[in-house]
């Protein structure tokens, strides 16, 4: 069984925004029409949580492994982080 320091439940729209606007470096990121549309249509709150997810996901070498669960439920309003010791 894999050990994770954190489990992140990410709404699909925030994960898509992360992939479109925040993943990779500015030199490697491609700003195609879809990426521009996703970034433009996203709310300020979605940008906030996409940035937080980017920090969490891209800095696993500093704080430990993160299990990512992408949730296709539009009622999920934000990124949720669960620490394993709080699951029991």
C-alpha atoms as a PDB file:
ATOM      1  CA  UNK A   1       0.000   0.000   0.000  1.00  0.00           C
ATOM      2  CA  UNK A   2       1.360   3.380  -0.987  1.00  0.00           C
ATOM      3  CA  UNK A   3       1.938   5.971   1.710  1.00  0.00           C
ATOM      4  CA  UNK A   4       0.830   9.542   1.110  1.00  0.00           C
ATOM      5  CA  UNK A   5       1.386  12.587   3.262  1.00  0.00           C
ATOM      6  CA  UNK A   6      -1.732  14.200   1.846  1.00  0.00           C
ATOM      7  CA  UNK A   7      -4.730  13.377  -0.339  1.00  0.00           C
ATOM      8  CA  UNK A   8      -5.988  16.211  -2.542  1.00  0.00           C
ATOM      9  CA  UNK A   9      -9.568  16.169  -3.803  1.00  0.00           C
ATOM     10  CA  UNK A  10      -9.581  18.491  -6.788  1.00  0.00           C
ATOM     11  CA  UNK A  11     -12.664  19.533  -8.767  1.00  0.00           C
ATOM     12  CA  UNK A  12     -12.279  18.777 -12.488  1.00  0.00           C
ATOM     13  CA  UNK A  13     -12.574  22.481 -13.435  1.00  0.00           C
ATOM     14  CA  UNK A  14      -9.701  23.411 -11.096  1.00  0.00           C
ATOM     15  CA  UNK A  15      -7.539  20.529 -12.333  1.00  0.00           C
ATOM     16  CA  UNK A  16      -8.204  21.563 -15.953  1.00  0.00           C
ATOM     17  CA  UNK A  17      -7.304  25.154 -15.063  1.00  0.00           C
ATOM     18  CA  UNK A  18      -4.092  23.939 -13.404  1.00  0.00           C
ATOM     19  CA  UNK A  19      -3.130  21.998 -16.534  1.00  0.00           C
ATOM     20  CA  UNK A  20      -4.013  24.932 -18.795  1.00  0.00           C
ATOM     21  CA  UNK A  21      -2.451  27.797 -16.871  1.00  0.00           C
ATOM     22  CA  UNK A  22      -0.163  26.648 -14.074  1.00  0.00           C
ATOM     23  CA  UNK A  23       1.553  23.355 -14.901  1.00  0.00           C
ATOM     24  CA  UNK A  24       5.142  23.394 -16.072  1.00  0.00           C
ATOM     25  CA  UNK A  25       7.282  26.466 -16.439  1.00  0.00           C
ATOM     26  CA  UNK A  26       6.437  29.604 -18.339  1.00  0.00           C
ATOM     27  CA  UNK A  27       8.913  28.530 -21.034  1.00  0.00           C
ATOM     28  CA  UNK A  28       7.276  25.122 -21.592  1.00  0.00           C
ATOM     29  CA  UNK A  29       3.618  26.113 -21.101  1.00  0.00           C
ATOM     30  CA  UNK A  30       1.631  26.330 -24.310  1.00  0.00           C
ATOM     31  CA  UNK A  31      -1.132  28.928 -24.441  1.00  0.00           C
ATOM     32  CA  UNK A  32      -3.423  27.390 -27.025  1.00  0.00           C
ATOM     33  CA  UNK A  33      -6.976  28.556 -27.589  1.00  0.00           C
ATOM     34  CA  UNK A  34      -8.402  26.026 -25.117  1.00  0.00           C
ATOM     35  CA  UNK A  35      -5.956  27.039 -22.392  1.00  0.00           C
ATOM     36  CA  UNK A  36      -6.728  30.719 -22.913  1.00  0.00           C
ATOM     37  CA  UNK A  37     -10.481  30.062 -22.827  1.00  0.00           C
ATOM     38  CA  UNK A  38     -10.257  27.967 -19.644  1.00  0.00           C
ATOM     39  CA  UNK A  39      -8.115  30.601 -17.901  1.00  0.00           C
ATOM     40  CA  UNK A  40     -10.362  33.468 -19.010  1.00  0.00           C
ATOM     41  CA  UNK A  41     -13.625  31.766 -17.969  1.00  0.00           C
ATOM     42  CA  UNK A  42     -12.362  30.637 -14.543  1.00  0.00           C
ATOM     43  CA  UNK A  43     -13.376  32.565 -11.451  1.00  0.00           C
ATOM     44  CA  UNK A  44     -10.880  34.255  -9.145  1.00  0.00           C
ATOM     45  CA  UNK A  45     -11.551  31.525  -6.570  1.00  0.00           C
ATOM     46  CA  UNK A  46     -10.774  28.808  -9.134  1.00  0.00           C
ATOM     47  CA  UNK A  47      -7.480  30.567  -9.981  1.00  0.00           C
ATOM     48  CA  UNK A  48      -6.679  30.750  -6.263  1.00  0.00           C
ATOM     49  CA  UNK A  49      -7.252  27.011  -5.755  1.00  0.00           C
ATOM     50  CA  UNK A  50      -5.432  26.097  -8.979  1.00  0.00           C
ATOM     51  CA  UNK A  51      -2.399  28.028  -7.738  1.00  0.00           C
ATOM     52  CA  UNK A  52      -2.604  26.257  -4.361  1.00  0.00           C
ATOM     53  CA  UNK A  53      -2.875  22.889  -6.099  1.00  0.00           C
ATOM     54  CA  UNK A  54       0.165  23.734  -8.235  1.00  0.00           C
ATOM     55  CA  UNK A  55       2.199  24.498  -5.105  1.00  0.00           C
ATOM     56  CA  UNK A  56       1.049  21.304  -3.425  1.00  0.00           C
ATOM     57  CA  UNK A  57       1.524  19.051  -6.452  1.00  0.00           C
ATOM     58  CA  UNK A  58       4.769  20.456  -7.806  1.00  0.00           C
ATOM     59  CA  UNK A  59       6.571  20.581  -4.434  1.00  0.00           C
ATOM     60  CA  UNK A  60       6.127  16.959  -3.396  1.00  0.00           C
ATOM     61  CA  UNK A  61       9.895  16.617  -3.110  1.00  0.00           C
ATOM     62  CA  UNK A  62       9.779  19.120  -0.229  1.00  0.00           C
ATOM     63  CA  UNK A  63       6.815  17.878   1.779  1.00  0.00           C
ATOM     64  CA  UNK A  64       6.092  14.310   0.681  1.00  0.00           C
ATOM     65  CA  UNK A  65       3.879  12.433  -1.768  1.00  0.00           C
ATOM     66  CA  UNK A  66       0.380  13.639  -2.594  1.00  0.00           C
ATOM     67  CA  UNK A  67      -2.395  11.420  -3.889  1.00  0.00           C
ATOM     68  CA  UNK A  68      -4.560  13.375  -6.327  1.00  0.00           C
ATOM     69  CA  UNK A  69      -8.234  12.520  -6.743  1.00  0.00           C
ATOM     70  CA  UNK A  70      -9.942  14.471  -9.520  1.00  0.00           C
ATOM     71  CA  UNK A  71     -13.654  14.779  -8.779  1.00  0.00           C
ATOM     72  CA  UNK A  72     -16.209  15.274 -11.553  1.00  0.00           C
ATOM     73  CA  UNK A  73     -18.814  16.768  -9.218  1.00  0.00           C
ATOM     74  CA  UNK A  74     -19.743  20.385 -10.037  1.00  0.00           C
ATOM     75  CA  UNK A  75     -20.962  20.922  -6.454  1.00  0.00           C
ATOM     76  CA  UNK A  76     -17.432  20.516  -5.100  1.00  0.00           C
ATOM     77  CA  UNK A  77     -16.531  24.142  -4.572  1.00  0.00           C
ATOM     78  CA  UNK A  78     -12.806  24.059  -3.863  1.00  0.00           C
ATOM     79  CA  UNK A  79      -9.650  22.035  -3.380  1.00  0.00           C
ATOM     80  CA  UNK A  80      -9.744  19.835  -0.271  1.00  0.00           C
ATOM     81  CA  UNK A  81      -6.628  18.440   1.370  1.00  0.00           C
ATOM     82  CA  UNK A  82      -6.898  15.532   3.772  1.00  0.00           C
ATOM     83  CA  UNK A  83      -4.040  14.413   5.961  1.00  0.00           C
ATOM     84  CA  UNK A  84      -4.051  10.608   6.432  1.00  0.00           C
ATOM     85  CA  UNK A  85      -3.929  10.793  10.229  1.00  0.00           C
ATOM     86  CA  UNK A  86      -7.270  12.680  10.124  1.00  0.00           C
ATOM     87  CA  UNK A  87      -8.990   9.964   8.089  1.00  0.00           C
ATOM     88  CA  UNK A  88      -9.455   7.600  11.020  1.00  0.00           C
END
